Amino acid sequence: QVQLVESGGGLVQAGGSLRLSCAASGRTFSAYSMGWFRQAPGKDREFVGTINSGGNTNYADSVKGRFTISRDNAKNTAYLQMNSLKPEDTAVYYCAGKLPYRVRYDYWGQGTQVTVSS
């Protein structure tokens, strides 16, 4: 069982930056692929990006070049660095974890609100 806790959300002006953290419990964090998702009011949850156990990343086109996902296995933590934020990035951001052979993410955090003002 893995528990995920996000932090770092808040209010920022357009063009600003935020870094979200996702702290994981358990001793096998390094084996997990970690994903970031977001859900804006009235919209479906959407994929933001992911990092696998080897450190390889993949991003949605909407955030490519602005967002960076990283991980620190010694700290059991994944990060989402968000730069050049836009009002349309406003959403609740969730981290999620899964083992590599799983199709779906099995573990989800509670979410953290990111609001970007224009």
N, C-alpha and C. Protein backbone atom coordinates (compact mmCIF):
# COMPACT_ATOMS: atom_id res chain seq x y z
N GLN A 1 0.85 -1.19 0.00
CA GLN A 1 0.00 0.00 0.00
C GLN A 1 0.88 1.24 0.00
N VAL A 2 0.50 2.20 -0.81
CA VAL A 2 1.25 3.45 -0.91
C VAL A 2 0.30 4.60 -0.63
N GLN A 3 0.73 5.53 0.17
CA GLN A 3 -0.04 6.75 0.42
C GLN A 3 0.72 7.92 -0.18
N LEU A 4 -0.02 8.79 -0.84
CA LEU A 4 0.58 9.94 -1.52
C LEU A 4 -0.01 11.22 -0.96
N VAL A 5 0.85 12.19 -0.70
CA VAL A 5 0.41 13.47 -0.17
C VAL A 5 1.04 14.58 -0.99
N GLU A 6 0.19 15.37 -1.65
CA GLU A 6 0.70 16.49 -2.43
C GLU A 6 0.79 17.75 -1.56
N SER A 7 1.69 18.62 -1.95
CA SER A 7 1.80 19.92 -1.31
C SER A 7 2.40 20.90 -2.31
N GLY A 8 2.32 22.18 -1.97
CA GLY A 8 2.96 23.19 -2.79
C GLY A 8 2.04 24.01 -3.65
N GLY A 9 0.75 23.68 -3.63
CA GLY A 9 -0.18 24.47 -4.42
C GLY A 9 -0.37 25.86 -3.84
N GLY A 10 -1.06 26.70 -4.60
CA GLY A 10 -1.31 28.05 -4.13
C GLY A 10 -1.76 28.96 -5.25
N LEU A 11 -1.73 30.24 -4.96
CA LEU A 11 -2.14 31.27 -5.91
C LEU A 11 -0.90 31.94 -6.47
N VAL A 12 -0.84 32.06 -7.78
CA VAL A 12 0.32 32.67 -8.43
C VAL A 12 -0.17 33.48 -9.62
N GLN A 13 0.56 34.52 -9.95
CA GLN A 13 0.21 35.32 -11.12
C GLN A 13 0.66 34.63 -12.40
N ALA A 14 0.00 34.94 -13.48
CA ALA A 14 0.40 34.40 -14.77
C ALA A 14 1.87 34.74 -15.04
N GLY A 15 2.58 33.74 -15.56
CA GLY A 15 4.00 33.90 -15.80
C GLY A 15 4.87 33.43 -14.65
N GLY A 16 4.24 33.17 -13.52
CA GLY A 16 4.97 32.74 -12.34
C GLY A 16 5.24 31.25 -12.32
N SER A 17 5.80 30.81 -11.21
CA SER A 17 6.20 29.41 -11.06
C SER A 17 5.72 28.85 -9.73
N LEU A 18 5.52 27.56 -9.72
CA LEU A 18 5.23 26.81 -8.50
C LEU A 18 5.88 25.45 -8.62
N ARG A 19 6.23 24.87 -7.48
CA ARG A 19 6.70 23.50 -7.47
C ARG A 19 5.82 22.68 -6.54
N LEU A 20 5.23 21.67 -7.10
CA LEU A 20 4.42 20.74 -6.32
C LEU A 20 5.27 19.55 -5.90
N SER A 21 4.99 19.07 -4.71
CA SER A 21 5.66 17.87 -4.21
C SER A 21 4.64 16.78 -3.97
N CYS A 22 5.08 15.56 -4.11
CA CYS A 22 4.24 14.38 -3.84
C CYS A 22 5.06 13.43 -2.99
N ALA A 23 4.76 13.41 -1.71
CA ALA A 23 5.48 12.56 -0.77
C ALA A 23 4.78 11.21 -0.67
N ALA A 24 5.57 10.15 -0.81
CA ALA A 24 5.01 8.80 -0.81
C ALA A 24 5.48 8.02 0.40
N SER A 25 4.59 7.21 0.92
CA SER A 25 4.96 6.29 1.99
C SER A 25 5.45 4.99 1.37
N GLY A 26 6.05 4.15 2.15
CA GLY A 26 6.46 2.85 1.64
C GLY A 26 7.92 2.81 1.23
N ARG A 27 8.43 1.59 1.11
CA ARG A 27 9.85 1.42 0.86
C ARG A 27 10.17 1.15 -0.60
N THR A 28 9.14 1.06 -1.44
CA THR A 28 9.38 0.67 -2.83
C THR A 28 9.08 1.81 -3.79
N PHE A 29 9.18 3.04 -3.30
CA PHE A 29 8.85 4.20 -4.14
C PHE A 29 9.63 4.18 -5.44
N SER A 30 10.88 3.80 -5.38
CA SER A 30 11.73 3.86 -6.57
C SER A 30 11.22 2.98 -7.69
N ALA A 31 10.42 1.98 -7.37
CA ALA A 31 9.91 1.06 -8.39
C ALA A 31 8.68 1.60 -9.11
N TYR A 32 8.10 2.63 -8.57
CA TYR A 32 6.82 3.12 -9.08
C TYR A 32 7.01 4.16 -10.18
N SER A 33 6.12 4.09 -11.15
CA SER A 33 5.94 5.20 -12.08
C SER A 33 5.02 6.21 -11.41
N MET A 34 5.38 7.47 -11.51
CA MET A 34 4.60 8.53 -10.87
C MET A 34 4.03 9.44 -11.94
N GLY A 35 2.75 9.71 -11.79
CA GLY A 35 2.08 10.58 -12.76
C GLY A 35 1.51 11.80 -12.08
N TRP A 36 1.35 12.83 -12.86
CA TRP A 36 0.66 14.04 -12.42
C TRP A 36 -0.54 14.27 -13.33
N PHE A 37 -1.64 14.59 -12.71
CA PHE A 37 -2.89 14.85 -13.42
C PHE A 37 -3.49 16.13 -12.85
N ARG A 38 -4.45 16.69 -13.58
CA ARG A 38 -5.12 17.88 -13.07
C ARG A 38 -6.58 17.87 -13.50
N GLN A 39 -7.38 18.55 -12.71
CA GLN A 39 -8.80 18.67 -13.04
C GLN A 39 -9.26 20.08 -12.75
N ALA A 40 -9.69 20.74 -13.81
CA ALA A 40 -10.23 22.09 -13.68
C ALA A 40 -11.73 22.00 -13.44
N PRO A 41 -12.33 23.04 -12.85
CA PRO A 41 -13.77 23.02 -12.59
C PRO A 41 -14.57 22.76 -13.85
N GLY A 42 -15.47 21.79 -13.78
CA GLY A 42 -16.34 21.48 -14.90
C GLY A 42 -15.69 20.70 -16.02
N LYS A 43 -14.45 20.29 -15.80
CA LYS A 43 -13.74 19.54 -16.85
C LYS A 43 -13.31 18.17 -16.34
N ASP A 44 -13.01 17.30 -17.27
CA ASP A 44 -12.51 15.98 -16.91
C ASP A 44 -11.07 16.08 -16.43
N ARG A 45 -10.68 15.10 -15.65
CA ARG A 45 -9.28 15.03 -15.24
C ARG A 45 -8.41 14.77 -16.46
N GLU A 46 -7.28 15.45 -16.52
CA GLU A 46 -6.40 15.28 -17.67
C GLU A 46 -4.98 14.96 -17.24
N PHE A 47 -4.31 14.25 -18.09
CA PHE A 47 -2.93 13.87 -17.88
C PHE A 47 -2.02 15.08 -18.03
N VAL A 48 -1.08 15.21 -17.11
CA VAL A 48 -0.08 16.28 -17.20
C VAL A 48 1.27 15.71 -17.61
N GLY A 49 1.70 14.68 -16.92
CA GLY A 49 2.98 14.09 -17.24
C GLY A 49 3.28 12.93 -16.33
N THR A 50 4.35 12.24 -16.65
CA THR A 50 4.72 11.08 -15.86
C THR A 50 6.23 10.90 -15.85
N ILE A 51 6.71 10.21 -14.83
CA ILE A 51 8.12 9.84 -14.75
C ILE A 51 8.17 8.37 -14.32
N ASN A 52 8.97 7.59 -15.03
CA ASN A 52 9.03 6.17 -14.66
C ASN A 52 10.17 5.92 -13.69
N SER A 53 10.34 4.67 -13.34
CA SER A 53 11.35 4.32 -12.33
C SER A 53 12.76 4.63 -12.82
N GLY A 54 12.94 4.69 -14.12
CA GLY A 54 14.25 5.01 -14.66
C GLY A 54 14.51 6.48 -14.86
N GLY A 55 13.50 7.28 -14.52
CA GLY A 55 13.65 8.73 -14.65
C GLY A 55 13.23 9.30 -15.99
N ASN A 56 12.68 8.46 -16.85
CA ASN A 56 12.21 8.94 -18.15
C ASN A 56 10.87 9.64 -17.97
N THR A 57 10.70 10.75 -18.67
CA THR A 57 9.50 11.57 -18.51
C THR A 57 8.72 11.67 -19.81
N ASN A 58 7.45 11.98 -19.64
CA ASN A 58 6.55 12.18 -20.77
C ASN A 58 5.55 13.25 -20.35
N TYR A 59 5.22 14.15 -21.26
CA TYR A 59 4.36 15.29 -20.91
C TYR A 59 3.22 15.47 -21.91
N ALA A 60 2.14 16.04 -21.41
CA ALA A 60 1.08 16.48 -22.29
C ALA A 60 1.59 17.66 -23.12
N ASP A 61 1.08 17.77 -24.32
CA ASP A 61 1.51 18.86 -25.20
C ASP A 61 1.26 20.23 -24.58
N SER A 62 0.20 20.33 -23.80
CA SER A 62 -0.19 21.62 -23.23
C SER A 62 0.81 22.14 -22.21
N VAL A 63 1.66 21.27 -21.67
CA VAL A 63 2.61 21.71 -20.64
C VAL A 63 4.05 21.50 -21.05
N LYS A 64 4.25 20.87 -22.19
CA LYS A 64 5.61 20.56 -22.64
C LYS A 64 6.42 21.85 -22.77
N GLY A 65 7.62 21.82 -22.22
CA GLY A 65 8.48 22.99 -22.26
C GLY A 65 8.28 23.95 -21.11
N ARG A 66 7.20 23.79 -20.36
CA ARG A 66 6.93 24.66 -19.21
C ARG A 66 6.99 23.89 -17.89
N PHE A 67 6.58 22.64 -17.90
CA PHE A 67 6.54 21.83 -16.70
C PHE A 67 7.65 20.78 -16.75
N THR A 68 8.18 20.46 -15.58
CA THR A 68 9.21 19.44 -15.47
C THR A 68 8.90 18.53 -14.29
N ILE A 69 8.92 17.24 -14.54
CA ILE A 69 8.71 16.25 -13.48
C ILE A 69 10.05 15.65 -13.12
N SER A 70 10.26 15.50 -11.82
CA SER A 70 11.47 14.86 -11.33
C SER A 70 11.13 14.02 -10.12
N ARG A 71 12.10 13.27 -9.65
CA ARG A 71 11.87 12.45 -8.48
C ARG A 71 13.16 12.35 -7.68
N ASP A 72 13.00 12.21 -6.38
CA ASP A 72 14.11 11.97 -5.47
C ASP A 72 13.78 10.71 -4.70
N ASN A 73 14.33 9.60 -5.12
CA ASN A 73 13.97 8.32 -4.50
C ASN A 73 14.44 8.24 -3.05
N ALA A 74 15.51 8.93 -2.72
CA ALA A 74 15.98 8.93 -1.34
C ALA A 74 14.98 9.60 -0.41
N LYS A 75 14.20 10.52 -0.96
CA LYS A 75 13.19 11.24 -0.16
C LYS A 75 11.79 10.73 -0.42
N ASN A 76 11.66 9.70 -1.25
CA ASN A 76 10.33 9.17 -1.59
C ASN A 76 9.40 10.28 -2.08
N THR A 77 9.92 11.13 -2.92
CA THR A 77 9.15 12.30 -3.34
C THR A 77 9.29 12.52 -4.85
N ALA A 78 8.16 12.84 -5.46
CA ALA A 78 8.13 13.28 -6.85
C ALA A 78 7.77 14.77 -6.87
N TYR A 79 8.22 15.43 -7.92
CA TYR A 79 8.02 16.87 -8.02
C TYR A 79 7.43 17.24 -9.37
N LEU A 80 6.69 18.33 -9.37
CA LEU A 80 6.20 18.92 -10.60
C LEU A 80 6.57 20.40 -10.55
N GLN A 81 7.59 20.76 -11.33
CA GLN A 81 8.00 22.16 -11.43
C GLN A 81 7.21 22.80 -12.56
N MET A 82 6.50 23.85 -12.23
CA MET A 82 5.63 24.51 -13.21
C MET A 82 6.12 25.94 -13.41
N ASN A 83 6.53 26.23 -14.62
CA ASN A 83 7.00 27.57 -14.98
C ASN A 83 6.08 28.18 -16.03
N SER A 84 6.20 29.48 -16.20
CA SER A 84 5.40 30.20 -17.20
C SER A 84 3.92 29.83 -17.09
N LEU A 85 3.42 29.87 -15.88
CA LEU A 85 2.04 29.44 -15.64
C LEU A 85 1.04 30.36 -16.33
N LYS A 86 -0.04 29.74 -16.77
CA LYS A 86 -1.11 30.44 -17.47
C LYS A 86 -2.41 30.27 -16.69
N PRO A 87 -3.36 31.17 -16.86
CA PRO A 87 -4.64 31.01 -16.17
C PRO A 87 -5.30 29.66 -16.47
N GLU A 88 -5.09 29.15 -17.66
CA GLU A 88 -5.69 27.85 -18.00
C GLU A 88 -5.03 26.67 -17.31
N ASP A 89 -3.95 26.92 -16.57
CA ASP A 89 -3.34 25.87 -15.75
C ASP A 89 -4.05 25.73 -14.40
N THR A 90 -4.98 26.62 -14.13
CA THR A 90 -5.72 26.56 -12.86
C THR A 90 -6.48 25.24 -12.77
N ALA A 91 -6.25 24.51 -11.69
CA ALA A 91 -6.87 23.19 -11.51
C ALA A 91 -6.45 22.63 -10.16
N VAL A 92 -7.08 21.55 -9.79
CA VAL A 92 -6.58 20.72 -8.69
C VAL A 92 -5.61 19.72 -9.31
N TYR A 93 -4.43 19.66 -8.75
CA TYR A 93 -3.38 18.79 -9.27
C TYR A 93 -3.24 17.57 -8.38
N TYR A 94 -3.17 16.42 -9.01
CA TYR A 94 -3.07 15.15 -8.30
C TYR A 94 -1.81 14.40 -8.74
N CYS A 95 -1.16 13.78 -7.79
CA CYS A 95 -0.13 12.83 -8.16
C CYS A 95 -0.70 11.42 -8.00
N ALA A 96 -0.12 10.51 -8.74
CA ALA A 96 -0.58 9.13 -8.74
C ALA A 96 0.61 8.21 -8.94
N GLY A 97 0.47 6.98 -8.45
CA GLY A 97 1.56 6.03 -8.57
C GLY A 97 1.07 4.67 -9.03
N LYS A 98 1.93 3.98 -9.77
CA LYS A 98 1.63 2.61 -10.19
C LYS A 98 2.92 1.86 -10.43
N LEU A 99 2.83 0.56 -10.30
CA LEU A 99 3.96 -0.27 -10.68
C LEU A 99 4.03 -0.35 -12.20
N PRO A 100 5.18 -0.57 -12.76
CA PRO A 100 5.36 -0.47 -14.22
C PRO A 100 4.44 -1.37 -15.03
N TYR A 101 4.10 -2.54 -14.49
CA TYR A 101 3.30 -3.48 -15.28
C TYR A 101 1.81 -3.17 -15.23
N ARG A 102 1.43 -2.21 -14.41
CA ARG A 102 0.03 -1.84 -14.27
C ARG A 102 -0.34 -0.83 -15.35
N VAL A 103 -1.55 -0.97 -15.85
CA VAL A 103 -2.04 -0.02 -16.85
C VAL A 103 -2.57 1.23 -16.16
N ARG A 104 -3.34 1.00 -15.11
CA ARG A 104 -3.94 2.14 -14.41
C ARG A 104 -3.12 2.51 -13.18
N TYR A 105 -3.27 3.76 -12.79
CA TYR A 105 -2.66 4.22 -11.56
C TYR A 105 -3.50 3.72 -10.38
N ASP A 106 -2.84 3.09 -9.44
CA ASP A 106 -3.53 2.48 -8.32
C ASP A 106 -3.64 3.39 -7.11
N TYR A 107 -2.71 4.32 -7.00
CA TYR A 107 -2.64 5.14 -5.80
C TYR A 107 -2.70 6.61 -6.19
N TRP A 108 -3.51 7.35 -5.43
CA TRP A 108 -3.75 8.76 -5.73
C TRP A 108 -3.62 9.60 -4.47
N GLY A 109 -3.10 10.80 -4.65
CA GLY A 109 -3.09 11.75 -3.57
C GLY A 109 -4.42 12.48 -3.47
N GLN A 110 -4.51 13.37 -2.51
CA GLN A 110 -5.76 14.07 -2.25
C GLN A 110 -5.93 15.30 -3.13
N GLY A 111 -4.86 15.72 -3.77
CA GLY A 111 -4.92 16.87 -4.65
C GLY A 111 -4.51 18.16 -3.97
N THR A 112 -3.99 19.07 -4.75
CA THR A 112 -3.62 20.39 -4.25
C THR A 112 -4.05 21.43 -5.29
N GLN A 113 -4.63 22.52 -4.80
CA GLN A 113 -5.18 23.53 -5.69
C GLN A 113 -4.09 24.46 -6.20
N VAL A 114 -4.11 24.67 -7.50
CA VAL A 114 -3.24 25.66 -8.13
C VAL A 114 -4.14 26.67 -8.84
N THR A 115 -3.99 27.92 -8.50
CA THR A 115 -4.77 28.98 -9.12
C THR A 115 -3.83 30.00 -9.73
N VAL A 116 -4.01 30.26 -11.01
CA VAL A 116 -3.17 31.22 -11.72
C VAL A 116 -4.04 32.41 -12.11
N SER A 117 -3.69 33.56 -11.59
CA SER A 117 -4.46 34.77 -11.89
C SER A 117 -3.88 35.50 -13.09
N SER A 118 -4.77 36.14 -13.82
CA SER A 118 -4.32 36.86 -15.03
C SER A 118 -3.95 38.29 -14.72
